Amino acid sequence: MDNARFNNAKDDLYLLLNRDYPKSYALRFVGDHYGLKNEERYILSRTVFPKGYILETKRKKTSLKEIKGKEIFIDGYNVIITTESVLMGKAFVSMDGVLRDILNVSKKHRITNETIESVELVLDLLKKYRPGYTQFYLDKMMSKSGKLSEALREGMEERSIKGDSETILSVDHVLKNKNGIIATNDSAIILEVNKFIDLPSKIKISREI
């Protein structure tokens, strides 16, 4: 990746977004102008946001201490895949301060050693900070989602974490209509909820100590 070219593209996209250009149009324009590869365009789309959104996201972000005794609803694949990216050194901090992945995983996501380790890390974090109730939602259309949901339920039971995991057809829609704390790194969901927590970033910090 040409860092100078990419950073110029990043600056130009930020400028256009703050002038209310539609993101898809602005991203295509900037990407074509700088001759960016698909991976670079994908990273830009998940990195750059207008100032208003950045400020609102920072206002909504909550801490681990705040989840104690509260209901937490978890965007299962989003959190687990982002944590996998942390383990593989392929996660980055976006302009809104949220950790995101660059894996661009499709519905053919496979359960790997990194997946199992990510589940363990997420559950260990929840065990330490003790939410009142934990609900994982997994996209039913993802490969092996039932198996992963079962692993989450078993892990929660082993750690005496009160909650459940289920596979559903529209995770985004369900999470956008929940009133508790939402664990996600998905900007589209963050935009619609009152409070969210970036669990993978907490895991990343704990591993660096």
Protein backbone atom coordinates (compact mmCIF):
# COMPACT_ATOMS: atom_id res chain seq x y z
CA MET A 1 0.00 0.00 0.00
CA ASP A 2 1.27 3.46 -0.96
CA ASN A 3 0.82 5.28 2.37
CA ALA A 4 1.12 8.79 0.94
CA ARG A 5 -1.44 8.10 -1.77
CA PHE A 6 -3.77 6.35 0.66
CA ASN A 7 -3.54 9.19 3.20
CA ASN A 8 -4.35 11.74 0.50
CA ALA A 9 -7.37 9.69 -0.48
CA LYS A 10 -8.40 9.51 3.17
CA ASP A 11 -8.17 13.30 3.54
CA ASP A 12 -10.17 13.89 0.37
CA LEU A 13 -12.90 11.44 1.37
CA TYR A 14 -13.21 13.08 4.81
CA LEU A 15 -13.60 16.47 3.13
CA LEU A 16 -16.30 15.23 0.77
CA LEU A 17 -18.24 13.48 3.55
CA ASN A 18 -18.25 16.67 5.61
CA ARG A 19 -19.77 18.42 2.61
CA ASP A 20 -22.60 15.87 2.63
CA TYR A 21 -21.58 13.89 -0.44
CA PRO A 22 -23.11 10.38 -0.37
CA LYS A 23 -20.45 7.98 0.93
CA SER A 24 -20.75 5.48 -1.91
CA TYR A 25 -20.31 8.21 -4.54
CA ALA A 26 -17.47 9.94 -2.68
CA LEU A 27 -15.66 6.65 -2.10
CA ARG A 28 -15.89 5.67 -5.75
CA PHE A 29 -14.72 9.10 -6.89
CA VAL A 30 -11.72 9.18 -4.54
CA GLY A 31 -10.86 5.54 -5.20
CA ASP A 32 -10.85 6.07 -8.96
CA HIS A 33 -8.93 9.32 -8.69
CA TYR A 34 -6.09 7.71 -6.72
CA GLY A 35 -6.30 4.33 -8.44
CA LEU A 36 -6.93 2.48 -5.18
CA LYS A 37 -7.16 -1.29 -5.01
CA ASN A 38 -10.31 -2.98 -3.72
CA GLU A 39 -8.72 -3.68 -0.34
CA GLU A 40 -7.74 -0.02 0.04
CA ARG A 41 -11.26 1.09 -0.85
CA TYR A 42 -12.68 -1.35 1.69
CA ILE A 43 -10.41 0.03 4.42
CA LEU A 44 -11.35 3.60 3.50
CA SER A 45 -15.05 2.76 3.71
CA ARG A 46 -14.55 1.44 7.26
CA THR A 47 -12.09 4.13 8.36
CA VAL A 48 -13.41 7.51 7.26
CA PHE A 49 -16.56 9.17 8.62
CA PRO A 50 -17.88 12.74 8.74
CA LYS A 51 -17.17 14.83 11.83
CA GLY A 52 -20.77 14.74 13.09
CA TYR A 53 -20.85 10.95 13.07
CA ILE A 54 -17.46 10.74 14.80
CA LEU A 55 -18.59 13.00 17.65
CA GLU A 56 -21.87 11.11 18.05
CA THR A 57 -20.08 7.76 18.11
CA LYS A 58 -17.70 8.91 20.82
CA ARG A 59 -20.69 10.13 22.86
CA LYS A 60 -22.41 6.73 22.60
CA LYS A 61 -19.36 4.62 23.44
CA THR A 62 -19.51 3.07 26.89
CA SER A 63 -16.91 1.45 29.16
CA LEU A 64 -16.58 -2.08 30.51
CA LYS A 65 -17.46 -0.90 34.02
CA GLU A 66 -20.83 0.29 32.75
CA ILE A 67 -21.95 -3.16 31.60
CA LYS A 68 -21.97 -4.65 35.11
CA GLY A 69 -25.48 -5.73 35.97
CA LYS A 70 -26.86 -4.42 32.64
CA GLU A 71 -28.35 -6.16 29.63
CA ILE A 72 -25.87 -6.48 26.78
CA PHE A 73 -26.81 -7.56 23.27
CA ILE A 74 -23.89 -8.78 21.17
CA ASP A 75 -23.44 -8.63 17.39
CA GLY A 76 -21.87 -12.08 17.46
CA TYR A 77 -20.03 -12.41 14.16
CA ASN A 78 -19.00 -8.77 14.11
CA VAL A 79 -17.39 -8.98 17.55
CA ILE A 80 -15.82 -12.41 17.01
CA ILE A 81 -14.41 -11.64 13.54
CA THR A 82 -12.99 -8.32 14.73
CA THR A 83 -11.37 -10.13 17.66
CA GLU A 84 -9.93 -12.66 15.20
CA SER A 85 -8.43 -9.70 13.35
CA VAL A 86 -6.83 -8.53 16.59
CA LEU A 87 -5.21 -11.95 17.03
CA MET A 88 -3.91 -11.87 13.45
CA GLY A 89 -2.70 -8.26 13.62
CA LYS A 90 -5.23 -7.18 11.00
CA ALA A 91 -7.36 -4.75 12.99
CA PHE A 92 -7.17 -0.96 12.80
CA VAL A 93 -8.66 2.03 14.58
CA SER A 94 -11.08 4.09 12.49
CA MET A 95 -11.50 7.85 12.68
CA ASP A 96 -14.42 7.38 15.08
CA GLY A 97 -12.12 5.58 17.52
CA VAL A 98 -13.69 2.15 16.90
CA LEU A 99 -11.57 -0.92 16.17
CA ARG A 100 -12.41 -2.61 12.87
CA ASP A 101 -11.19 -5.55 10.80
CA ILE A 102 -9.86 -5.71 7.26
CA LEU A 103 -10.80 -9.36 6.64
CA ASN A 104 -13.98 -8.64 4.64
CA VAL A 105 -15.28 -12.10 5.55
CA SER A 106 -18.18 -13.48 3.54
CA LYS A 107 -20.93 -15.85 4.61
CA LYS A 108 -18.37 -18.66 4.23
CA HIS A 109 -16.61 -17.72 7.47
CA ARG A 110 -14.91 -20.82 8.86
CA ILE A 111 -14.49 -21.77 12.50
CA THR A 112 -10.73 -21.75 13.05
CA ASN A 113 -8.38 -21.79 16.03
CA GLU A 114 -8.58 -17.98 16.01
CA THR A 115 -12.38 -18.21 16.17
CA ILE A 116 -12.30 -20.46 19.23
CA GLU A 117 -9.69 -18.27 20.93
CA SER A 118 -11.75 -15.18 20.14
CA VAL A 119 -14.84 -16.75 21.73
CA GLU A 120 -12.82 -17.59 24.83
CA LEU A 121 -11.43 -14.06 25.08
CA VAL A 122 -14.85 -12.42 24.69
CA LEU A 123 -16.46 -14.72 27.26
CA ASP A 124 -13.59 -14.26 29.73
CA LEU A 125 -14.05 -10.50 29.45
CA LEU A 126 -17.79 -10.84 30.12
CA LYS A 127 -17.11 -13.11 33.10
CA LYS A 128 -14.84 -10.46 34.59
CA TYR A 129 -17.26 -7.53 34.17
CA ARG A 130 -20.50 -9.43 34.83
CA PRO A 131 -23.38 -8.00 32.80
CA GLY A 132 -26.82 -8.86 34.21
CA TYR A 133 -27.81 -10.68 31.03
CA THR A 134 -25.87 -11.42 27.85
CA GLN A 135 -27.54 -12.17 24.52
CA PHE A 136 -25.50 -13.16 21.47
CA TYR A 137 -27.08 -12.90 18.02
CA LEU A 138 -25.51 -14.71 15.05
CA ASP A 139 -26.46 -14.39 11.40
CA LYS A 140 -28.34 -17.57 10.55
CA MET A 141 -27.09 -17.45 6.94
CA MET A 142 -23.44 -17.69 7.95
CA SER A 143 -21.81 -21.09 7.58
CA LYS A 144 -21.66 -23.10 10.83
CA SER A 145 -23.55 -20.40 12.77
CA GLY A 146 -25.45 -23.04 14.73
CA LYS A 147 -22.23 -24.71 15.82
CA LEU A 148 -20.70 -21.39 16.87
CA SER A 149 -23.86 -20.45 18.77
CA GLU A 150 -23.69 -23.76 20.64
CA ALA A 151 -20.05 -23.10 21.56
CA LEU A 152 -21.04 -19.70 22.93
CA ARG A 153 -23.84 -21.19 25.04
CA GLU A 154 -21.53 -23.86 26.43
CA GLY A 155 -18.85 -21.28 27.20
CA MET A 156 -21.35 -19.06 28.98
CA GLU A 157 -22.60 -21.97 31.07
CA GLU A 158 -19.05 -22.94 32.04
CA ARG A 159 -18.41 -19.39 33.27
CA SER A 160 -21.85 -18.99 34.92
CA ILE A 161 -22.68 -16.10 32.59
CA LYS A 162 -26.44 -15.55 32.54
CA GLY A 163 -27.68 -15.32 28.98
CA ASP A 164 -28.13 -17.09 25.65
CA SER A 165 -27.01 -17.27 22.04
CA GLU A 166 -29.24 -17.70 19.02
CA THR A 167 -29.10 -17.58 15.25
CA ILE A 168 -31.51 -15.19 13.51
CA LEU A 169 -32.11 -13.86 10.01
CA SER A 170 -31.70 -10.12 10.65
CA VAL A 171 -29.16 -9.33 13.35
CA ASP A 172 -28.84 -5.68 12.35
CA HIS A 173 -32.59 -5.05 12.55
CA VAL A 174 -32.93 -6.70 15.95
CA LEU A 175 -29.96 -4.88 17.48
CA LYS A 176 -31.10 -1.49 16.19
CA ASN A 177 -34.32 -1.94 18.17
CA LYS A 178 -32.81 -3.00 21.50
CA ASN A 179 -32.63 -0.62 24.47
CA GLY A 180 -29.69 -2.15 26.32
CA ILE A 181 -25.97 -1.80 25.61
CA ILE A 182 -25.08 -3.08 22.14
CA ALA A 183 -21.71 -4.75 21.57
CA THR A 184 -20.79 -4.04 17.95
CA ASN A 185 -18.23 -2.34 15.74
CA ASP A 186 -20.69 -1.95 12.85
CA SER A 187 -21.13 1.75 12.02
CA ALA A 188 -24.64 1.21 10.60
CA ILE A 189 -25.81 -0.25 13.92
CA ILE A 190 -23.92 2.30 16.03
CA LEU A 191 -25.73 5.06 14.16
CA GLU A 192 -29.12 3.75 15.34
CA VAL A 193 -28.52 2.77 18.98
CA ASN A 194 -28.19 4.75 22.21
CA LYS A 195 -25.16 3.00 23.73
CA PHE A 196 -22.56 0.61 22.38
CA ILE A 197 -19.34 -1.01 23.51
CA ASP A 198 -16.29 -1.93 21.43
CA LEU A 199 -15.34 -5.26 23.01
CA PRO A 200 -12.49 -6.16 20.59
CA SER A 201 -10.64 -2.95 21.46
CA LYS A 202 -10.82 -3.88 25.15
CA ILE A 203 -9.36 -7.29 24.32
CA LYS A 204 -6.61 -5.67 22.25
CA ILE A 205 -5.68 -3.36 25.13
CA SER A 206 -5.63 -6.23 27.65
CA ARG A 207 -3.28 -8.23 25.41
CA GLU A 208 -0.88 -5.30 25.12
CA ILE A 209 -0.51 -4.77 28.87
